[in-house]
Amino acid sequence: MQSPTGVQDRPAGDVVQKFIASLRDLHVEAKVVKDEGETKEALHAILSKAGCKTVVVAGIPSRYLGAVEGALAGTKSNLVDDLLGLPQEEVVGILAAADAGVTWAVNGVAREGAVLEVVYDDSAKLASSLPIVHIALLESSSILQDLAEAMPVVGEIVKAAPPNRKPIISFISGPSKTGDIEMRLLYGVHGPHTVHALILDWS
């Protein structure tokens, strides 16, 4: 399980609003949720609106897992941790067939509108990059001002990792996109077509 990283002591209100505005500029739907009930309701609404019937879940801390599992009632879901040990081809097939991936982000980056994902297994990385819908959860207190503040955090994560457990680090800044087709920026060409961020501001 990933743990929140770089939690801030300062009031989070301004940086959270900047984060939300930057995400929306990058075609990411962002929402602040205040408790377990709001989290469950918001996640269920995203999945229902997108018509998701199969979901993979990766890295959600135990404090928030109950809300996620509650939102998934009526859908076929798999925890990535439960897939470890299966043949690689089978795991990739399950991840590729999922309509949505629900994953954990250790930090948000307000100015650039990115979420910082840190995983230690290829399967967890695929949970955010293969399904058409990606929903990232993160804590409001973990949102950093900008990349200048985020990069030392990344450095500490890499330094703290044991030699046999190197992290896979990604800054995710919206749906998949490409400018290679007639020099026009197109969204949803490969990977997630829609990205959502649920910002957990639980007391």
N, C-alpha and C. Protein backbone atom coordinates (compact mmCIF):
# COMPACT_ATOMS: atom_id res chain seq x y z
N MET A 1 0.83 -1.19 0.00
CA MET A 1 0.00 0.00 0.00
C MET A 1 0.87 1.25 0.00
N GLN A 2 0.47 2.23 -0.75
CA GLN A 2 1.18 3.50 -0.76
C GLN A 2 0.71 4.35 0.41
N SER A 3 1.61 5.11 0.97
CA SER A 3 1.28 6.00 2.07
C SER A 3 1.36 7.44 1.61
N PRO A 4 0.55 8.33 2.21
CA PRO A 4 0.65 9.74 1.85
C PRO A 4 2.07 10.24 2.09
N THR A 5 2.53 11.12 1.23
CA THR A 5 3.90 11.61 1.29
C THR A 5 3.91 13.13 1.23
N GLY A 6 4.81 13.74 1.98
CA GLY A 6 4.96 15.18 1.89
C GLY A 6 3.75 15.93 2.43
N VAL A 7 3.12 15.42 3.49
CA VAL A 7 1.94 16.06 4.05
C VAL A 7 2.31 17.45 4.56
N GLN A 8 1.45 18.41 4.29
CA GLN A 8 1.75 19.81 4.57
C GLN A 8 1.21 20.25 5.92
N ASP A 9 1.96 21.16 6.59
CA ASP A 9 1.50 21.74 7.84
C ASP A 9 0.64 22.98 7.60
N ARG A 10 0.82 23.63 6.47
CA ARG A 10 0.11 24.89 6.20
C ARG A 10 -1.35 24.61 5.86
N PRO A 11 -2.23 25.63 6.00
CA PRO A 11 -3.61 25.45 5.57
C PRO A 11 -3.68 25.05 4.10
N ALA A 12 -4.58 24.11 3.78
CA ALA A 12 -4.57 23.52 2.44
C ALA A 12 -5.53 24.20 1.48
N GLY A 13 -6.40 25.12 1.96
CA GLY A 13 -7.48 25.65 1.13
C GLY A 13 -7.03 26.24 -0.19
N ASP A 14 -6.08 27.18 -0.17
CA ASP A 14 -5.66 27.86 -1.39
C ASP A 14 -5.00 26.91 -2.37
N VAL A 15 -4.12 26.04 -1.87
CA VAL A 15 -3.40 25.14 -2.76
C VAL A 15 -4.35 24.09 -3.34
N VAL A 16 -5.37 23.71 -2.59
CA VAL A 16 -6.36 22.76 -3.11
C VAL A 16 -7.14 23.39 -4.26
N GLN A 17 -7.56 24.63 -4.09
CA GLN A 17 -8.31 25.30 -5.16
C GLN A 17 -7.45 25.51 -6.41
N LYS A 18 -6.19 25.83 -6.23
CA LYS A 18 -5.28 25.96 -7.37
C LYS A 18 -5.12 24.60 -8.07
N PHE A 19 -5.01 23.55 -7.29
CA PHE A 19 -4.89 22.20 -7.83
C PHE A 19 -6.11 21.84 -8.67
N ILE A 20 -7.30 22.11 -8.14
CA ILE A 20 -8.54 21.80 -8.85
C ILE A 20 -8.61 22.58 -10.16
N ALA A 21 -8.26 23.86 -10.11
CA ALA A 21 -8.31 24.68 -11.33
C ALA A 21 -7.32 24.17 -12.38
N SER A 22 -6.12 23.80 -11.95
CA SER A 22 -5.12 23.30 -12.90
C SER A 22 -5.56 21.97 -13.49
N LEU A 23 -6.14 21.10 -12.68
CA LEU A 23 -6.63 19.82 -13.19
C LEU A 23 -7.72 20.03 -14.24
N ARG A 24 -8.63 20.92 -13.97
CA ARG A 24 -9.73 21.14 -14.92
C ARG A 24 -9.22 21.71 -16.24
N ASP A 25 -8.17 22.52 -16.18
CA ASP A 25 -7.56 22.99 -17.42
C ASP A 25 -7.00 21.85 -18.26
N LEU A 26 -6.68 20.74 -17.60
CA LEU A 26 -6.11 19.57 -18.27
C LEU A 26 -7.15 18.46 -18.48
N HIS A 27 -8.42 18.81 -18.41
CA HIS A 27 -9.53 17.88 -18.67
C HIS A 27 -9.65 16.79 -17.61
N VAL A 28 -9.30 17.11 -16.37
CA VAL A 28 -9.49 16.19 -15.25
C VAL A 28 -10.63 16.72 -14.39
N GLU A 29 -11.60 15.86 -14.10
CA GLU A 29 -12.69 16.23 -13.21
C GLU A 29 -12.23 16.02 -11.77
N ALA A 30 -12.29 17.07 -10.95
CA ALA A 30 -11.81 16.99 -9.57
C ALA A 30 -12.92 17.35 -8.60
N LYS A 31 -12.92 16.66 -7.46
CA LYS A 31 -13.96 16.91 -6.46
C LYS A 31 -13.37 16.67 -5.07
N VAL A 32 -13.69 17.58 -4.15
CA VAL A 32 -13.31 17.41 -2.75
C VAL A 32 -14.42 16.66 -2.02
N VAL A 33 -14.04 15.64 -1.26
CA VAL A 33 -15.02 14.87 -0.48
C VAL A 33 -14.61 14.93 0.98
N LYS A 34 -15.60 15.11 1.86
CA LYS A 34 -15.34 15.44 3.25
C LYS A 34 -15.36 14.25 4.19
N ASP A 35 -15.95 13.13 3.78
CA ASP A 35 -16.04 11.99 4.69
C ASP A 35 -16.27 10.71 3.90
N GLU A 36 -16.44 9.61 4.60
CA GLU A 36 -16.60 8.32 3.94
C GLU A 36 -17.84 8.29 3.07
N GLY A 37 -18.94 8.84 3.56
CA GLY A 37 -20.18 8.84 2.80
C GLY A 37 -20.06 9.60 1.49
N GLU A 38 -19.47 10.81 1.55
CA GLU A 38 -19.29 11.60 0.34
C GLU A 38 -18.35 10.91 -0.65
N THR A 39 -17.33 10.27 -0.12
CA THR A 39 -16.38 9.57 -0.98
C THR A 39 -17.06 8.42 -1.71
N LYS A 40 -17.80 7.64 -0.96
CA LYS A 40 -18.54 6.51 -1.55
C LYS A 40 -19.52 7.00 -2.61
N GLU A 41 -20.25 8.06 -2.29
CA GLU A 41 -21.26 8.59 -3.22
C GLU A 41 -20.60 9.14 -4.49
N ALA A 42 -19.51 9.89 -4.34
CA ALA A 42 -18.84 10.49 -5.50
C ALA A 42 -18.24 9.42 -6.40
N LEU A 43 -17.62 8.43 -5.81
CA LEU A 43 -17.00 7.37 -6.60
C LEU A 43 -18.06 6.54 -7.32
N HIS A 44 -19.13 6.23 -6.62
CA HIS A 44 -20.23 5.47 -7.23
C HIS A 44 -20.83 6.25 -8.40
N ALA A 45 -20.97 7.57 -8.24
CA ALA A 45 -21.56 8.39 -9.30
C ALA A 45 -20.67 8.39 -10.55
N ILE A 46 -19.35 8.48 -10.37
CA ILE A 46 -18.43 8.46 -11.51
C ILE A 46 -18.55 7.14 -12.26
N LEU A 47 -18.53 6.05 -11.52
CA LEU A 47 -18.59 4.72 -12.14
C LEU A 47 -19.92 4.49 -12.83
N SER A 48 -21.01 4.93 -12.21
CA SER A 48 -22.34 4.74 -12.79
C SER A 48 -22.50 5.56 -14.06
N LYS A 49 -22.07 6.81 -14.03
CA LYS A 49 -22.20 7.68 -15.20
C LYS A 49 -21.42 7.12 -16.39
N ALA A 50 -20.25 6.51 -16.10
CA ALA A 50 -19.41 5.97 -17.17
C ALA A 50 -19.84 4.56 -17.58
N GLY A 51 -20.81 4.00 -16.87
CA GLY A 51 -21.29 2.66 -17.19
C GLY A 51 -20.27 1.57 -16.91
N CYS A 52 -19.45 1.78 -15.88
CA CYS A 52 -18.38 0.82 -15.56
C CYS A 52 -18.96 -0.42 -14.87
N LYS A 53 -18.62 -1.58 -15.40
CA LYS A 53 -19.07 -2.84 -14.81
C LYS A 53 -17.94 -3.62 -14.17
N THR A 54 -16.69 -3.36 -14.58
CA THR A 54 -15.53 -4.03 -14.01
C THR A 54 -14.51 -2.98 -13.59
N VAL A 55 -13.95 -3.14 -12.39
CA VAL A 55 -13.06 -2.15 -11.81
C VAL A 55 -11.86 -2.85 -11.18
N VAL A 56 -10.68 -2.27 -11.34
CA VAL A 56 -9.49 -2.72 -10.62
C VAL A 56 -9.08 -1.62 -9.65
N VAL A 57 -8.60 -2.04 -8.48
CA VAL A 57 -8.26 -1.12 -7.40
C VAL A 57 -6.83 -1.37 -6.97
N ALA A 58 -6.04 -0.30 -6.85
CA ALA A 58 -4.63 -0.46 -6.49
C ALA A 58 -4.19 0.58 -5.47
N GLY A 59 -3.57 0.11 -4.40
CA GLY A 59 -2.83 0.97 -3.48
C GLY A 59 -3.64 1.80 -2.51
N ILE A 60 -4.94 1.58 -2.38
CA ILE A 60 -5.75 2.42 -1.50
C ILE A 60 -5.43 2.10 -0.04
N PRO A 61 -5.06 3.10 0.77
CA PRO A 61 -4.78 2.84 2.19
C PRO A 61 -6.01 2.29 2.91
N SER A 62 -5.77 1.52 3.97
CA SER A 62 -6.86 0.84 4.66
C SER A 62 -7.91 1.80 5.20
N ARG A 63 -7.50 3.02 5.57
CA ARG A 63 -8.47 3.99 6.11
C ARG A 63 -9.57 4.29 5.10
N TYR A 64 -9.25 4.27 3.81
CA TYR A 64 -10.19 4.67 2.78
C TYR A 64 -10.76 3.49 1.98
N LEU A 65 -10.26 2.31 2.24
CA LEU A 65 -10.66 1.16 1.43
C LEU A 65 -12.13 0.82 1.60
N GLY A 66 -12.68 1.01 2.80
CA GLY A 66 -14.09 0.72 3.03
C GLY A 66 -15.00 1.57 2.16
N ALA A 67 -14.67 2.84 2.00
CA ALA A 67 -15.48 3.72 1.15
C ALA A 67 -15.41 3.27 -0.30
N VAL A 68 -14.22 2.87 -0.74
CA VAL A 68 -14.05 2.40 -2.12
C VAL A 68 -14.85 1.12 -2.34
N GLU A 69 -14.71 0.18 -1.44
CA GLU A 69 -15.42 -1.09 -1.59
C GLU A 69 -16.93 -0.88 -1.54
N GLY A 70 -17.39 0.06 -0.72
CA GLY A 70 -18.82 0.35 -0.66
C GLY A 70 -19.33 0.91 -1.98
N ALA A 71 -18.52 1.74 -2.63
CA ALA A 71 -18.91 2.33 -3.91
C ALA A 71 -18.96 1.30 -5.02
N LEU A 72 -18.25 0.19 -4.86
CA LEU A 72 -18.14 -0.82 -5.90
C LEU A 72 -19.21 -1.90 -5.82
N ALA A 73 -20.13 -1.76 -4.88
CA ALA A 73 -21.21 -2.74 -4.77
C ALA A 73 -21.96 -2.84 -6.10
N GLY A 74 -22.12 -4.06 -6.58
CA GLY A 74 -22.82 -4.25 -7.85
C GLY A 74 -21.91 -4.27 -9.05
N THR A 75 -20.61 -4.02 -8.85
CA THR A 75 -19.65 -4.10 -9.95
C THR A 75 -18.70 -5.26 -9.68
N LYS A 76 -18.11 -5.76 -10.73
CA LYS A 76 -17.07 -6.79 -10.59
C LYS A 76 -15.76 -6.07 -10.34
N SER A 77 -15.12 -6.36 -9.21
CA SER A 77 -13.91 -5.63 -8.86
C SER A 77 -12.80 -6.58 -8.44
N ASN A 78 -11.57 -6.13 -8.66
CA ASN A 78 -10.38 -6.87 -8.27
C ASN A 78 -9.40 -5.92 -7.60
N LEU A 79 -8.86 -6.34 -6.45
CA LEU A 79 -7.74 -5.63 -5.86
C LEU A 79 -6.46 -6.14 -6.49
N VAL A 80 -5.61 -5.23 -6.92
CA VAL A 80 -4.36 -5.63 -7.56
C VAL A 80 -3.54 -6.53 -6.64
N ASP A 81 -3.56 -6.24 -5.33
CA ASP A 81 -2.80 -7.07 -4.39
C ASP A 81 -3.25 -8.52 -4.44
N ASP A 82 -4.52 -8.75 -4.72
CA ASP A 82 -5.04 -10.12 -4.77
C ASP A 82 -4.64 -10.85 -6.05
N LEU A 83 -4.15 -10.09 -7.05
CA LEU A 83 -3.77 -10.71 -8.32
C LEU A 83 -2.31 -11.16 -8.33
N LEU A 84 -1.54 -10.71 -7.33
CA LEU A 84 -0.13 -11.07 -7.29
C LEU A 84 0.01 -12.57 -7.14
N GLY A 85 0.89 -13.15 -7.91
CA GLY A 85 1.07 -14.60 -7.88
C GLY A 85 0.38 -15.31 -9.03
N LEU A 86 -0.59 -14.65 -9.67
CA LEU A 86 -1.21 -15.22 -10.85
C LEU A 86 -0.26 -15.10 -12.04
N PRO A 87 -0.46 -15.92 -13.08
CA PRO A 87 0.37 -15.77 -14.28
C PRO A 87 0.25 -14.36 -14.86
N GLN A 88 1.35 -13.83 -15.35
CA GLN A 88 1.38 -12.45 -15.83
C GLN A 88 0.34 -12.20 -16.91
N GLU A 89 0.18 -13.17 -17.82
CA GLU A 89 -0.79 -13.00 -18.91
C GLU A 89 -2.21 -12.85 -18.36
N GLU A 90 -2.50 -13.59 -17.31
CA GLU A 90 -3.84 -13.52 -16.71
C GLU A 90 -4.06 -12.17 -16.04
N VAL A 91 -3.04 -11.70 -15.33
CA VAL A 91 -3.15 -10.40 -14.65
C VAL A 91 -3.35 -9.28 -15.67
N VAL A 92 -2.55 -9.27 -16.72
CA VAL A 92 -2.68 -8.24 -17.75
C VAL A 92 -4.06 -8.30 -18.40
N GLY A 93 -4.56 -9.51 -18.61
CA GLY A 93 -5.89 -9.65 -19.20
C GLY A 93 -6.97 -9.05 -18.32
N ILE A 94 -6.88 -9.28 -17.01
CA ILE A 94 -7.86 -8.71 -16.08
C ILE A 94 -7.79 -7.19 -16.08
N LEU A 95 -6.57 -6.66 -16.05
CA LEU A 95 -6.41 -5.21 -16.02
C LEU A 95 -6.87 -4.57 -17.33
N ALA A 96 -6.57 -5.21 -18.44
CA ALA A 96 -6.95 -4.66 -19.74
C ALA A 96 -8.45 -4.70 -19.95
N ALA A 97 -9.12 -5.67 -19.32
CA ALA A 97 -10.57 -5.80 -19.49
C ALA A 97 -11.36 -4.89 -18.57
N ALA A 98 -10.71 -4.28 -17.58
CA ALA A 98 -11.41 -3.44 -16.62
C ALA A 98 -11.89 -2.15 -17.28
N ASP A 99 -13.09 -1.73 -16.92
CA ASP A 99 -13.62 -0.45 -17.40
C ASP A 99 -12.98 0.73 -16.68
N ALA A 100 -12.60 0.53 -15.41
CA ALA A 100 -12.07 1.64 -14.61
C ALA A 100 -10.98 1.14 -13.69
N GLY A 101 -10.04 2.02 -13.42
CA GLY A 101 -9.01 1.78 -12.42
C GLY A 101 -9.11 2.83 -11.33
N VAL A 102 -9.15 2.38 -10.08
CA VAL A 102 -9.19 3.27 -8.92
C VAL A 102 -7.85 3.12 -8.20
N THR A 103 -7.07 4.20 -8.14
CA THR A 103 -5.71 4.11 -7.62
C THR A 103 -5.43 5.22 -6.62
N TRP A 104 -4.31 5.08 -5.93
CA TRP A 104 -3.89 6.05 -4.92
C TRP A 104 -2.78 6.92 -5.47
N ALA A 105 -2.84 8.20 -5.16
CA ALA A 105 -1.76 9.14 -5.48
C ALA A 105 -1.17 9.65 -4.17
N VAL A 106 0.15 9.62 -4.06
CA VAL A 106 0.77 10.03 -2.80
C VAL A 106 0.79 11.55 -2.65
N ASN A 107 0.78 12.25 -3.77
CA ASN A 107 0.78 13.72 -3.72
C ASN A 107 0.03 14.29 -4.92
N GLY A 108 -0.44 15.52 -4.77
CA GLY A 108 -0.88 16.31 -5.89
C GLY A 108 0.10 17.45 -6.10
N VAL A 109 0.15 17.98 -7.31
CA VAL A 109 1.03 19.11 -7.63
C VAL A 109 0.13 20.22 -8.18
N ALA A 110 -0.04 21.28 -7.40
CA ALA A 110 -1.08 22.26 -7.68
C ALA A 110 -0.85 23.05 -8.96
N ARG A 111 0.31 23.65 -9.12
CA ARG A 111 0.53 24.55 -10.25
C ARG A 111 0.44 23.81 -11.58
N GLU A 112 1.05 22.63 -11.65
CA GLU A 112 1.09 21.88 -12.90
C GLU A 112 -0.13 20.99 -13.11
N GLY A 113 -0.94 20.80 -12.09
CA GLY A 113 -2.12 19.96 -12.23
C GLY A 113 -1.78 18.51 -12.47
N ALA A 114 -0.96 17.93 -11.60
CA ALA A 114 -0.55 16.54 -11.75
C ALA A 114 -0.74 15.80 -10.43
N VAL A 115 -0.92 14.49 -10.55
CA VAL A 115 -0.90 13.65 -9.36
C VAL A 115 0.33 12.76 -9.43
N LEU A 116 0.95 12.58 -8.29
CA LEU A 116 2.17 11.78 -8.19
C LEU A 116 1.80 10.37 -7.75
N GLU A 117 2.04 9.42 -8.64
CA GLU A 117 1.76 8.02 -8.36
C GLU A 117 3.08 7.30 -8.12
N VAL A 118 3.14 6.54 -7.03
CA VAL A 118 4.33 5.75 -6.71
C VAL A 118 3.88 4.32 -6.46
N VAL A 119 4.34 3.40 -7.30
CA VAL A 119 3.99 1.99 -7.15
C VAL A 119 5.26 1.17 -7.24
N TYR A 120 5.15 -0.07 -6.82
CA TYR A 120 6.32 -0.96 -6.78
C TYR A 120 6.09 -2.23 -7.59
N ASP A 121 5.07 -2.21 -8.43
CA ASP A 121 4.73 -3.40 -9.21
C ASP A 121 4.10 -2.94 -10.52
N ASP A 122 4.45 -3.61 -11.61
CA ASP A 122 3.90 -3.24 -12.92
C ASP A 122 2.38 -3.33 -12.95
N SER A 123 1.81 -4.28 -12.22
CA SER A 123 0.36 -4.44 -12.23
C SER A 123 -0.34 -3.21 -11.67
N ALA A 124 0.22 -2.64 -10.59
CA ALA A 124 -0.36 -1.44 -10.01
C ALA A 124 -0.26 -0.27 -10.98
N LYS A 125 0.83 -0.18 -11.73
CA LYS A 125 0.98 0.88 -12.73
C LYS A 125 -0.06 0.72 -13.83
N LEU A 126 -0.30 -0.52 -14.27
CA LEU A 126 -1.27 -0.76 -15.34
C LEU A 126 -2.69 -0.43 -14.90
N ALA A 127 -2.95 -0.48 -13.59
CA ALA A 127 -4.29 -0.17 -13.10
C ALA A 127 -4.68 1.28 -13.38
N SER A 128 -3.69 2.15 -13.51
CA SER A 128 -3.98 3.57 -13.82
C SER A 128 -3.83 3.88 -15.29
N SER A 129 -3.19 2.99 -16.06
CA SER A 129 -2.89 3.33 -17.45
C SER A 129 -3.64 2.51 -18.49
N LEU A 130 -4.22 1.37 -18.11
CA LEU A 130 -4.93 0.56 -19.09
C LEU A 130 -6.44 0.83 -19.17
N PRO A 131 -7.16 0.93 -18.04
CA PRO A 131 -8.62 1.13 -18.14
C PRO A 131 -8.97 2.48 -18.80
N ILE A 132 -10.13 2.52 -19.41
CA ILE A 132 -10.60 3.73 -20.09
C ILE A 132 -10.86 4.86 -19.09
N VAL A 133 -11.31 4.51 -17.89
CA VAL A 133 -11.59 5.50 -16.84
C VAL A 133 -10.57 5.32 -15.72
N HIS A 134 -9.92 6.41 -15.34
CA HIS A 134 -8.98 6.37 -14.21
C HIS A 134 -9.46 7.33 -13.14
N ILE A 135 -9.55 6.83 -11.92
CA ILE A 135 -9.96 7.65 -10.77
C ILE A 135 -8.84 7.60 -9.74
N ALA A 136 -8.22 8.74 -9.50
CA ALA A 136 -7.13 8.83 -8.53
C ALA A 136 -7.66 9.42 -7.23
N LEU A 137 -7.33 8.80 -6.12
CA LEU A 137 -7.66 9.32 -4.80
C LEU A 137 -6.40 9.85 -4.15
N LEU A 138 -6.52 10.98 -3.45
CA LEU A 138 -5.39 11.52 -2.71
C LEU A 138 -5.91 12.39 -1.58
N GLU A 139 -5.06 12.61 -0.58
CA GLU A 139 -5.44 13.44 0.55
C GLU A 139 -5.19 14.92 0.26
N SER A 140 -6.10 15.76 0.72
CA SER A 140 -5.95 17.20 0.49
C SER A 140 -4.65 17.73 1.10
N SER A 141 -4.26 17.18 2.25
CA SER A 141 -3.06 17.65 2.94
C SER A 141 -1.77 17.26 2.23
N SER A 142 -1.87 16.39 1.21
CA SER A 142 -0.66 15.95 0.51
C SER A 142 -0.36 16.79 -0.73
N ILE A 143 -1.20 17.78 -1.02
CA ILE A 143 -1.02 18.56 -2.25
C ILE A 143 0.11 19.57 -2.08
N LEU A 144 1.06 19.53 -3.01
CA LEU A 144 2.23 20.40 -3.00
C LEU A 144 2.01 21.59 -3.94
N GLN A 145 2.79 22.63 -3.74
CA GLN A 145 2.60 23.85 -4.53
C GLN A 145 2.95 23.66 -6.00
N ASP A 146 4.09 23.03 -6.28
CA ASP A 146 4.56 22.94 -7.67
C ASP A 146 5.60 21.84 -7.79
N LEU A 147 6.12 21.66 -9.01
CA LEU A 147 7.12 20.62 -9.25
C LEU A 147 8.41 20.87 -8.47
N ALA A 148 8.75 22.14 -8.26
CA ALA A 148 9.95 22.45 -7.49
C ALA A 148 9.85 21.88 -6.08
N GLU A 149 8.65 21.85 -5.53
CA GLU A 149 8.44 21.27 -4.21
C GLU A 149 8.31 19.75 -4.29
N ALA A 150 7.82 19.26 -5.42
CA ALA A 150 7.58 17.82 -5.55
C ALA A 150 8.85 17.03 -5.81
N MET A 151 9.80 17.59 -6.55
CA MET A 151 10.96 16.80 -6.95
C MET A 151 11.81 16.33 -5.77
N PRO A 152 12.02 17.14 -4.73
CA PRO A 152 12.74 16.60 -3.56
C PRO A 152 11.99 15.46 -2.89
N VAL A 153 10.66 15.50 -2.92
CA VAL A 153 9.87 14.40 -2.38
C VAL A 153 10.14 13.13 -3.16
N VAL A 154 10.17 13.26 -4.49
CA VAL A 154 10.49 12.11 -5.34
C VAL A 154 11.87 11.57 -5.02
N GLY A 155 12.83 12.47 -4.83
CA GLY A 155 14.19 12.04 -4.50
C GLY A 155 14.24 11.25 -3.21
N GLU A 156 13.48 11.69 -2.21
CA GLU A 156 13.46 10.97 -0.94
C GLU A 156 12.81 9.59 -1.08
N ILE A 157 11.77 9.50 -1.92
CA ILE A 157 11.13 8.21 -2.16
C ILE A 157 12.12 7.23 -2.79
N VAL A 158 12.86 7.71 -3.77
CA VAL A 158 13.84 6.85 -4.44
C VAL A 158 14.95 6.44 -3.48
N LYS A 159 15.45 7.38 -2.68
CA LYS A 159 16.54 7.07 -1.75
C LYS A 159 16.10 6.09 -0.68
N ALA A 160 14.84 6.18 -0.25
CA ALA A 160 14.34 5.33 0.82
C ALA A 160 14.00 3.92 0.37
N ALA A 161 13.90 3.71 -0.93
CA ALA A 161 13.50 2.40 -1.45
C ALA A 161 14.64 1.40 -1.31
N PRO A 162 14.36 0.18 -0.86
CA PRO A 162 15.40 -0.85 -0.79
C PRO A 162 15.86 -1.24 -2.18
N PRO A 163 17.07 -1.77 -2.31
CA PRO A 163 17.62 -2.09 -3.63
C PRO A 163 16.75 -3.04 -4.45
N ASN A 164 16.06 -3.94 -3.78
CA ASN A 164 15.25 -4.93 -4.51
C ASN A 164 13.80 -4.50 -4.68
N ARG A 165 13.49 -3.23 -4.38
CA ARG A 165 12.10 -2.77 -4.47
C ARG A 165 12.09 -1.32 -4.96
N LYS A 166 12.48 -1.13 -6.19
CA LYS A 166 12.57 0.21 -6.74
C LYS A 166 11.18 0.72 -7.15
N PRO A 167 10.89 2.00 -6.87
CA PRO A 167 9.56 2.53 -7.19
C PRO A 167 9.41 2.86 -8.67
N ILE A 168 8.19 2.74 -9.15
CA ILE A 168 7.79 3.24 -10.46
C ILE A 168 7.06 4.55 -10.20
N ILE A 169 7.63 5.66 -10.64
CA ILE A 169 7.11 6.99 -10.30
C ILE A 169 6.53 7.64 -11.54
N SER A 170 5.29 8.13 -11.43
CA SER A 170 4.63 8.78 -12.56
C SER A 170 3.95 10.06 -12.11
N PHE A 171 4.09 11.11 -12.92
CA PHE A 171 3.27 12.30 -12.77
C PHE A 171 2.15 12.19 -13.80
N ILE A 172 0.92 12.09 -13.33
CA ILE A 172 -0.23 11.92 -14.22
C ILE A 172 -0.94 13.26 -14.32
N SER A 173 -1.09 13.75 -15.55
CA SER A 173 -1.65 15.10 -15.74
C SER A 173 -2.81 15.11 -16.72
N GLY A 174 -3.67 14.10 -16.62
CA GLY A 174 -4.88 14.14 -17.43
C GLY A 174 -5.04 12.92 -18.30
N PRO A 175 -6.10 12.91 -19.11
CA PRO A 175 -6.35 11.78 -20.01
C PRO A 175 -5.21 11.63 -21.01
N SER A 176 -5.14 10.45 -21.63
CA SER A 176 -4.14 10.24 -22.68
C SER A 176 -4.38 11.23 -23.81
N LYS A 177 -3.30 11.69 -24.42
CA LYS A 177 -3.44 12.67 -25.49
C LYS A 177 -2.25 12.57 -26.43
N THR A 178 -2.46 13.02 -27.64
CA THR A 178 -1.38 13.03 -28.62
C THR A 178 -1.56 14.21 -29.56
N GLY A 179 -0.44 14.73 -30.06
CA GLY A 179 -0.47 15.79 -31.06
C GLY A 179 0.09 15.32 -32.39
N ASP A 180 0.21 14.00 -32.54
CA ASP A 180 0.86 13.45 -33.74
C ASP A 180 -0.07 13.37 -34.95
N ILE A 181 -1.38 13.46 -34.73
CA ILE A 181 -2.33 13.30 -35.83
C ILE A 181 -2.68 14.68 -36.38
N GLU A 182 -2.17 14.99 -37.55
CA GLU A 182 -2.42 16.27 -38.23
C GLU A 182 -2.10 17.46 -37.32
N MET A 183 -1.15 17.25 -36.39
CA MET A 183 -0.68 18.33 -35.50
C MET A 183 -1.80 18.91 -34.64
N ARG A 184 -2.83 18.13 -34.38
CA ARG A 184 -3.93 18.57 -33.51
C ARG A 184 -3.87 17.78 -32.21
N LEU A 185 -4.12 18.44 -31.08
CA LEU A 185 -4.12 17.76 -29.79
C LEU A 185 -5.43 17.00 -29.63
N LEU A 186 -5.33 15.68 -29.53
CA LEU A 186 -6.49 14.82 -29.38
C LEU A 186 -6.41 14.09 -28.05
N TYR A 187 -7.56 13.93 -27.40
CA TYR A 187 -7.61 13.25 -26.11
C TYR A 187 -8.21 11.85 -26.28
N GLY A 188 -7.77 10.94 -25.41
CA GLY A 188 -8.36 9.61 -25.39
C GLY A 188 -7.94 8.73 -26.54
N VAL A 189 -6.74 8.93 -27.07
CA VAL A 189 -6.28 8.12 -28.19
C VAL A 189 -5.78 6.76 -27.70
N HIS A 190 -5.13 6.74 -26.57
CA HIS A 190 -4.67 5.49 -25.95
C HIS A 190 -4.67 5.72 -24.45
N GLY A 191 -4.80 4.63 -23.69
CA GLY A 191 -4.85 4.78 -22.24
C GLY A 191 -6.17 5.40 -21.80
N PRO A 192 -6.22 5.94 -20.59
CA PRO A 192 -7.48 6.48 -20.06
C PRO A 192 -8.05 7.60 -20.94
N HIS A 193 -9.34 7.51 -21.21
CA HIS A 193 -10.03 8.57 -21.95
C HIS A 193 -10.54 9.65 -21.00
N THR A 194 -10.84 9.26 -19.77
CA THR A 194 -11.27 10.23 -18.76
C THR A 194 -10.51 9.98 -17.46
N VAL A 195 -10.16 11.07 -16.78
CA VAL A 195 -9.44 10.98 -15.50
C VAL A 195 -10.20 11.83 -14.48
N HIS A 196 -10.36 11.28 -13.29
CA HIS A 196 -11.01 11.97 -12.19
C HIS A 196 -10.08 11.97 -10.98
N ALA A 197 -10.16 13.01 -10.18
CA ALA A 197 -9.41 13.09 -8.93
C ALA A 197 -10.39 13.32 -7.79
N LEU A 198 -10.40 12.42 -6.83
CA LEU A 198 -11.18 12.62 -5.62
C LEU A 198 -10.21 13.04 -4.51
N ILE A 199 -10.40 14.27 -4.03
CA ILE A 199 -9.51 14.85 -3.03
C ILE A 199 -10.13 14.64 -1.66
N LEU A 200 -9.50 13.78 -0.85
CA LEU A 200 -10.05 13.37 0.44
C LEU A 200 -9.68 14.39 1.51
N ASP A 201 -10.70 15.07 2.04
CA ASP A 201 -10.51 16.08 3.07
C ASP A 201 -11.24 15.65 4.33
N TRP A 202 -11.05 14.38 4.67
CA TRP A 202 -11.69 13.83 5.87
C TRP A 202 -11.10 14.46 7.12
N SER A 203 -11.95 14.68 8.10
CA SER A 203 -11.45 15.25 9.38
C SER A 203 -10.91 14.14 10.26
